[in-house]
Amino acid sequence: MEEDLNLERMKLRIIRKCWFDISRFPTMDDVSRVTGLSQRTLHRYAKDNDLPSRTRGNIRRYILEKYSTLIN
């Protein structure tokens, strides 16, 4: 059971890295190719895990908000 959770967390970690790295993976097709998941599945993961849309402004705002709450 715990192994399943670890695999799921690792999958989510890889998706997050690709999701936030717009310079390396500029399109959803690139993210889809790297992760081996369909674009529909990637959008479902993003929605389920509260990831922002993949525009530079939204990602920067998300990171600032997330880390400002950790600092304060």
PDB file of N, CA and C in Angstrom:
ATOM      1  N   MET A   1       0.819  -1.188   0.000  1.00  0.00           N
ATOM      2  CA  MET A   1       0.000   0.000   0.000  1.00  0.00           C
ATOM      3  C   MET A   1       0.868   1.258   0.000  1.00  0.00           C
ATOM      4  N   GLU A   2       1.864   1.283   0.850  1.00  0.00           N
ATOM      5  CA  GLU A   2       2.739   2.449   0.913  1.00  0.00           C
ATOM      6  C   GLU A   2       3.552   2.597  -0.370  1.00  0.00           C
ATOM      7  N   GLU A   3       3.892   1.475  -1.004  1.00  0.00           N
ATOM      8  CA  GLU A   3       4.638   1.534  -2.265  1.00  0.00           C
ATOM      9  C   GLU A   3       3.802   2.217  -3.342  1.00  0.00           C
ATOM     10  N   ASP A   4       2.491   1.953  -3.335  1.00  0.00           N
ATOM     11  CA  ASP A   4       1.607   2.602  -4.297  1.00  0.00           C
ATOM     12  C   ASP A   4       1.596   4.112  -4.095  1.00  0.00           C
ATOM     13  N   LEU A   5       1.570   4.550  -2.843  1.00  0.00           N
ATOM     14  CA  LEU A   5       1.593   5.981  -2.555  1.00  0.00           C
ATOM     15  C   LEU A   5       2.907   6.608  -2.997  1.00  0.00           C
ATOM     16  N   ASN A   6       4.011   5.904  -2.781  1.00  0.00           N
ATOM     17  CA  ASN A   6       5.308   6.426  -3.201  1.00  0.00           C
ATOM     18  C   ASN A   6       5.380   6.565  -4.718  1.00  0.00           C
ATOM     19  N   LEU A   7       4.850   5.602  -5.443  1.00  0.00           N
ATOM     20  CA  LEU A   7       4.841   5.692  -6.909  1.00  0.00           C
ATOM     21  C   LEU A   7       3.981   6.862  -7.373  1.00  0.00           C
ATOM     22  N   GLU A   8       2.844   7.018  -6.739  1.00  0.00           N
ATOM     23  CA  GLU A   8       1.949   8.120  -7.103  1.00  0.00           C
ATOM     24  C   GLU A   8       2.597   9.474  -6.807  1.00  0.00           C
ATOM     25  N   ARG A   9       3.263   9.577  -5.666  1.00  0.00           N
ATOM     26  CA  ARG A   9       3.953  10.830  -5.322  1.00  0.00           C
ATOM     27  C   ARG A   9       5.079  11.128  -6.299  1.00  0.00           C
ATOM     28  N   MET A  10       5.808  10.091  -6.699  1.00  0.00           N
ATOM     29  CA  MET A  10       6.912  10.283  -7.643  1.00  0.00           C
ATOM     30  C   MET A  10       6.384  10.718  -9.012  1.00  0.00           C
ATOM     31  N   LYS A  11       5.282  10.125  -9.433  1.00  0.00           N
ATOM     32  CA  LYS A  11       4.668  10.504 -10.700  1.00  0.00           C
ATOM     33  C   LYS A  11       4.229  11.967 -10.655  1.00  0.00           C
ATOM     34  N   LEU A  12       3.609  12.345  -9.553  1.00  0.00           N
ATOM     35  CA  LEU A  12       3.164  13.731  -9.399  1.00  0.00           C
ATOM     36  C   LEU A  12       4.357  14.689  -9.358  1.00  0.00           C
ATOM     37  N   ARG A  13       5.426  14.279  -8.738  1.00  0.00           N
ATOM     38  CA  ARG A  13       6.630  15.126  -8.673  1.00  0.00           C
ATOM     39  C   ARG A  13       7.208  15.371 -10.066  1.00  0.00           C
ATOM     40  N   ILE A  14       7.250  14.336 -10.892  1.00  0.00           N
ATOM     41  CA  ILE A  14       7.753  14.473 -12.265  1.00  0.00           C
ATOM     42  C   ILE A  14       6.827  15.379 -13.066  1.00  0.00           C
ATOM     43  N   ILE A  15       5.530  15.198 -12.912  1.00  0.00           N
ATOM     44  CA  ILE A  15       4.570  16.035 -13.633  1.00  0.00           C
ATOM     45  C   ILE A  15       4.724  17.488 -13.217  1.00  0.00           C
ATOM     46  N   ARG A  16       4.873  17.739 -11.917  1.00  0.00           N
ATOM     47  CA  ARG A  16       5.052  19.121 -11.442  1.00  0.00           C
ATOM     48  C   ARG A  16       6.306  19.761 -12.011  1.00  0.00           C
ATOM     49  N   LYS A  17       7.410  19.013 -12.014  1.00  0.00           N
ATOM     50  CA  LYS A  17       8.652  19.571 -12.564  1.00  0.00           C
ATOM     51  C   LYS A  17       8.471  19.982 -14.015  1.00  0.00           C
ATOM     52  N   CYS A  18       7.870  19.105 -14.791  1.00  0.00           N
ATOM     53  CA  CYS A  18       7.652  19.413 -16.200  1.00  0.00           C
ATOM     54  C   CYS A  18       6.635  20.538 -16.366  1.00  0.00           C
ATOM     55  N   TRP A  19       5.617  20.551 -15.533  1.00  0.00           N
ATOM     56  CA  TRP A  19       4.548  21.547 -15.620  1.00  0.00           C
ATOM     57  C   TRP A  19       5.082  22.958 -15.402  1.00  0.00           C
ATOM     58  N   PHE A  20       5.976  23.106 -14.435  1.00  0.00           N
ATOM     59  CA  PHE A  20       6.485  24.435 -14.098  1.00  0.00           C
ATOM     60  C   PHE A  20       7.657  24.887 -14.967  1.00  0.00           C
ATOM     61  N   ASP A  21       8.320  23.981 -15.664  1.00  0.00           N
ATOM     62  CA  ASP A  21       9.491  24.333 -16.469  1.00  0.00           C
ATOM     63  C   ASP A  21       9.063  24.660 -17.902  1.00  0.00           C
ATOM     64  N   ILE A  22       8.549  25.862 -18.079  1.00  0.00           N
ATOM     65  CA  ILE A  22       8.037  26.265 -19.392  1.00  0.00           C
ATOM     66  C   ILE A  22       9.167  26.460 -20.408  1.00  0.00           C
ATOM     67  N   SER A  23      10.335  26.849 -19.962  1.00  0.00           N
ATOM     68  CA  SER A  23      11.430  27.055 -20.908  1.00  0.00           C
ATOM     69  C   SER A  23      11.896  25.725 -21.512  1.00  0.00           C
ATOM     70  N   ARG A  24      11.876  24.681 -20.738  1.00  0.00           N
ATOM     71  CA  ARG A  24      12.326  23.373 -21.232  1.00  0.00           C
ATOM     72  C   ARG A  24      11.204  22.607 -21.932  1.00  0.00           C
ATOM     73  N   PHE A  25       9.978  22.760 -21.437  1.00  0.00           N
ATOM     74  CA  PHE A  25       8.816  22.088 -22.014  1.00  0.00           C
ATOM     75  C   PHE A  25       7.749  23.138 -22.340  1.00  0.00           C
ATOM     76  N   PRO A  26       7.905  23.832 -23.465  1.00  0.00           N
ATOM     77  CA  PRO A  26       7.020  24.965 -23.751  1.00  0.00           C
ATOM     78  C   PRO A  26       5.572  24.590 -24.083  1.00  0.00           C
ATOM     79  N   THR A  27       5.333  23.395 -24.581  1.00  0.00           N
ATOM     80  CA  THR A  27       3.966  23.021 -24.945  1.00  0.00           C
ATOM     81  C   THR A  27       3.498  21.824 -24.122  1.00  0.00           C
ATOM     82  N   MET A  28       2.188  21.660 -24.079  1.00  0.00           N
ATOM     83  CA  MET A  28       1.626  20.500 -23.393  1.00  0.00           C
ATOM     84  C   MET A  28       2.031  19.217 -24.098  1.00  0.00           C
ATOM     85  N   ASP A  29       2.242  19.298 -25.398  1.00  0.00           N
ATOM     86  CA  ASP A  29       2.684  18.122 -26.146  1.00  0.00           C
ATOM     87  C   ASP A  29       4.046  17.653 -25.647  1.00  0.00           C
ATOM     88  N   ASP A  30       4.943  18.592 -25.340  1.00  0.00           N
ATOM     89  CA  ASP A  30       6.258  18.241 -24.801  1.00  0.00           C
ATOM     90  C   ASP A  30       6.135  17.574 -23.432  1.00  0.00           C
ATOM     91  N   VAL A  31       5.290  18.126 -22.582  1.00  0.00           N
ATOM     92  CA  VAL A  31       5.079  17.544 -21.247  1.00  0.00           C
ATOM     93  C   VAL A  31       4.480  16.151 -21.390  1.00  0.00           C
ATOM     94  N   SER A  32       3.542  16.015 -22.305  1.00  0.00           N
ATOM     95  CA  SER A  32       2.891  14.731 -22.542  1.00  0.00           C
ATOM     96  C   SER A  32       3.894  13.686 -23.022  1.00  0.00           C
ATOM     97  N   ARG A  33       4.773  14.090 -23.910  1.00  0.00           N
ATOM     98  CA  ARG A  33       5.777  13.168 -24.441  1.00  0.00           C
ATOM     99  C   ARG A  33       6.751  12.705 -23.353  1.00  0.00           C
ATOM    100  N   VAL A  34       7.170  13.611 -22.502  1.00  0.00           N
ATOM    101  CA  VAL A  34       8.139  13.289 -21.446  1.00  0.00           C
ATOM    102  C   VAL A  34       7.518  12.386 -20.383  1.00  0.00           C
ATOM    103  N   THR A  35       6.294  12.703 -19.979  1.00  0.00           N
ATOM    104  CA  THR A  35       5.667  11.943 -18.892  1.00  0.00           C
ATOM    105  C   THR A  35       5.020  10.647 -19.375  1.00  0.00           C
ATOM    106  N   GLY A  36       4.736  10.570 -20.666  1.00  0.00           N
ATOM    107  CA  GLY A  36       4.083   9.378 -21.193  1.00  0.00           C
ATOM    108  C   GLY A  36       2.591   9.354 -20.925  1.00  0.00           C
ATOM    109  N   LEU A  37       2.021  10.488 -20.536  1.00  0.00           N
ATOM    110  CA  LEU A  37       0.594  10.595 -20.251  1.00  0.00           C
ATOM    111  C   LEU A  37      -0.080  11.437 -21.330  1.00  0.00           C
ATOM    112  N   SER A  38      -1.349  11.213 -21.521  1.00  0.00           N
ATOM    113  CA  SER A  38      -2.081  12.023 -22.489  1.00  0.00           C
ATOM    114  C   SER A  38      -2.296  13.423 -21.925  1.00  0.00           C
ATOM    115  N   GLN A  39      -2.589  14.354 -22.803  1.00  0.00           N
ATOM    116  CA  GLN A  39      -2.820  15.721 -22.352  1.00  0.00           C
ATOM    117  C   GLN A  39      -4.057  15.802 -21.463  1.00  0.00           C
ATOM    118  N   ARG A  40      -5.032  15.004 -21.750  1.00  0.00           N
ATOM    119  CA  ARG A  40      -6.240  14.989 -20.926  1.00  0.00           C
ATOM    120  C   ARG A  40      -5.919  14.529 -19.500  1.00  0.00           C
ATOM    121  N   THR A  41      -5.086  13.496 -19.387  1.00  0.00           N
ATOM    122  CA  THR A  41      -4.689  12.999 -18.072  1.00  0.00           C
ATOM    123  C   THR A  41      -3.857  14.034 -17.329  1.00  0.00           C
ATOM    124  N   LEU A  42      -2.977  14.733 -18.048  1.00  0.00           N
ATOM    125  CA  LEU A  42      -2.171  15.779 -17.422  1.00  0.00           C
ATOM    126  C   LEU A  42      -3.055  16.900 -16.878  1.00  0.00           C
ATOM    127  N   HIS A  43      -4.055  17.292 -17.642  1.00  0.00           N
ATOM    128  CA  HIS A  43      -4.965  18.336 -17.167  1.00  0.00           C
ATOM    129  C   HIS A  43      -5.746  17.863 -15.948  1.00  0.00           C
ATOM    130  N   ARG A  44      -6.088  16.587 -15.908  1.00  0.00           N
ATOM    131  CA  ARG A  44      -6.799  16.037 -14.745  1.00  0.00           C
ATOM    132  C   ARG A  44      -5.894  16.077 -13.514  1.00  0.00           C
ATOM    133  N   TYR A  45      -4.609  15.677 -13.675  1.00  0.00           N
ATOM    134  CA  TYR A  45      -3.657  15.762 -12.563  1.00  0.00           C
ATOM    135  C   TYR A  45      -3.514  17.204 -12.088  1.00  0.00           C
ATOM    136  N   ALA A  46      -3.427  18.125 -13.027  1.00  0.00           N
ATOM    137  CA  ALA A  46      -3.272  19.540 -12.676  1.00  0.00           C
ATOM    138  C   ALA A  46      -4.478  20.033 -11.895  1.00  0.00           C
ATOM    139  N   LYS A  47      -5.658  19.679 -12.350  1.00  0.00           N
ATOM    140  CA  LYS A  47      -6.873  20.120 -11.669  1.00  0.00           C
ATOM    141  C   LYS A  47      -6.976  19.493 -10.279  1.00  0.00           C
ATOM    142  N   ASP A  48      -6.684  18.205 -10.175  1.00  0.00           N
ATOM    143  CA  ASP A  48      -6.786  17.509  -8.888  1.00  0.00           C
ATOM    144  C   ASP A  48      -5.768  17.996  -7.868  1.00  0.00           C
ATOM    145  N   ASN A  49      -4.630  18.516  -8.344  1.00  0.00           N
ATOM    146  CA  ASN A  49      -3.562  18.943  -7.443  1.00  0.00           C
ATOM    147  C   ASN A  49      -3.377  20.449  -7.403  1.00  0.00           C
ATOM    148  N   ASP A  50      -4.378  21.189  -7.873  1.00  0.00           N
ATOM    149  CA  ASP A  50      -4.403  22.654  -7.818  1.00  0.00           C
ATOM    150  C   ASP A  50      -3.192  23.321  -8.463  1.00  0.00           C
ATOM    151  N   LEU A  51      -2.769  22.801  -9.603  1.00  0.00           N
ATOM    152  CA  LEU A  51      -1.686  23.441 -10.346  1.00  0.00           C
ATOM    153  C   LEU A  51      -2.269  24.573 -11.192  1.00  0.00           C
ATOM    154  N   PRO A  52      -1.513  25.663 -11.371  1.00  0.00           N
ATOM    155  CA  PRO A  52      -2.019  26.788 -12.171  1.00  0.00           C
ATOM    156  C   PRO A  52      -1.974  26.458 -13.658  1.00  0.00           C
ATOM    157  N   SER A  53      -2.652  27.260 -14.461  1.00  0.00           N
ATOM    158  CA  SER A  53      -2.531  27.079 -15.906  1.00  0.00           C
ATOM    159  C   SER A  53      -1.091  27.378 -16.304  1.00  0.00           C
ATOM    160  N   ARG A  54      -0.691  26.897 -17.471  1.00  0.00           N
ATOM    161  CA  ARG A  54       0.726  26.952 -17.821  1.00  0.00           C
ATOM    162  C   ARG A  54       1.154  28.240 -18.511  1.00  0.00           C
ATOM    163  N   THR A  55       0.691  29.376 -18.062  1.00  0.00           N
ATOM    164  CA  THR A  55       1.220  30.640 -18.573  1.00  0.00           C
ATOM    165  C   THR A  55       2.273  31.133 -17.583  1.00  0.00           C
ATOM    166  N   ARG A  56       3.245  31.845 -18.094  1.00  0.00           N
ATOM    167  CA  ARG A  56       4.332  32.307 -17.225  1.00  0.00           C
ATOM    168  C   ARG A  56       3.829  33.126 -16.041  1.00  0.00           C
ATOM    169  N   GLY A  57       2.878  34.005 -16.290  1.00  0.00           N
ATOM    170  CA  GLY A  57       2.355  34.850 -15.219  1.00  0.00           C
ATOM    171  C   GLY A  57       1.668  34.042 -14.129  1.00  0.00           C
ATOM    172  N   ASN A  58       0.859  33.072 -14.532  1.00  0.00           N
ATOM    173  CA  ASN A  58       0.155  32.250 -13.544  1.00  0.00           C
ATOM    174  C   ASN A  58       1.119  31.399 -12.733  1.00  0.00           C
ATOM    175  N   ILE A  59       2.136  30.865 -13.371  1.00  0.00           N
ATOM    176  CA  ILE A  59       3.101  30.028 -12.651  1.00  0.00           C
ATOM    177  C   ILE A  59       3.918  30.877 -11.685  1.00  0.00           C
ATOM    178  N   ARG A  60       4.351  32.056 -12.118  1.00  0.00           N
ATOM    179  CA  ARG A  60       5.108  32.940 -11.213  1.00  0.00           C
ATOM    180  C   ARG A  60       4.258  33.353 -10.016  1.00  0.00           C
ATOM    181  N   ARG A  61       3.005  33.704 -10.269  1.00  0.00           N
ATOM    182  CA  ARG A  61       2.097  34.102  -9.192  1.00  0.00           C
ATOM    183  C   ARG A  61       1.884  32.947  -8.216  1.00  0.00           C
ATOM    184  N   TYR A  62       1.711  31.749  -8.745  1.00  0.00           N
ATOM    185  CA  TYR A  62       1.505  30.554  -7.909  1.00  0.00           C
ATOM    186  C   TYR A  62       2.714  30.298  -7.011  1.00  0.00           C
ATOM    187  N   ILE A  63       3.906  30.392  -7.589  1.00  0.00           N
ATOM    188  CA  ILE A  63       5.131  30.148  -6.815  1.00  0.00           C
ATOM    189  C   ILE A  63       5.310  31.222  -5.746  1.00  0.00           C
ATOM    190  N   LEU A  64       5.079  32.491  -6.107  1.00  0.00           N
ATOM    191  CA  LEU A  64       5.203  33.566  -5.123  1.00  0.00           C
ATOM    192  C   LEU A  64       4.224  33.393  -3.969  1.00  0.00           C
ATOM    193  N   GLU A  65       2.989  33.064  -4.280  1.00  0.00           N
ATOM    194  CA  GLU A  65       1.989  32.871  -3.238  1.00  0.00           C
ATOM    195  C   GLU A  65       2.330  31.684  -2.336  1.00  0.00           C
ATOM    196  N   LYS A  66       2.788  30.617  -2.953  1.00  0.00           N
ATOM    197  CA  LYS A  66       3.099  29.409  -2.197  1.00  0.00           C
ATOM    198  C   LYS A  66       4.271  29.648  -1.236  1.00  0.00           C
ATOM    199  N   TYR A  67       5.317  30.285  -1.734  1.00  0.00           N
ATOM    200  CA  TYR A  67       6.496  30.486  -0.900  1.00  0.00           C
ATOM    201  C   TYR A  67       6.368  31.667   0.054  1.00  0.00           C
ATOM    202  N   SER A  68       5.513  32.625  -0.280  1.00  0.00           N
ATOM    203  CA  SER A  68       5.327  33.735   0.672  1.00  0.00           C
ATOM    204  C   SER A  68       4.600  33.259   1.913  1.00  0.00           C
ATOM    205  N   THR A  69       3.721  32.278   1.782  1.00  0.00           N
ATOM    206  CA  THR A  69       3.046  31.729   2.967  1.00  0.00           C
ATOM    207  C   THR A  69       4.008  30.900   3.799  1.00  0.00           C
ATOM    208  N   LEU A  70       4.987  30.292   3.165  1.00  0.00           N
ATOM    209  CA  LEU A  70       5.988  29.524   3.928  1.00  0.00           C
ATOM    210  C   LEU A  70       6.926  30.441   4.696  1.00  0.00           C
ATOM    211  N   ILE A  71       7.233  31.606   4.109  1.00  0.00           N
ATOM    212  CA  ILE A  71       8.166  32.539   4.750  1.00  0.00           C
ATOM    213  C   ILE A  71       7.500  33.268   5.910  1.00  0.00           C
ATOM    214  N   ASN A  72       6.242  33.678   5.724  1.00  0.00           N
ATOM    215  CA  ASN A  72       5.539  34.455   6.754  1.00  0.00           C
ATOM    216  C   ASN A  72       5.094  33.622   7.884  1.00  0.00           C
TER     217      ASN A  72
END
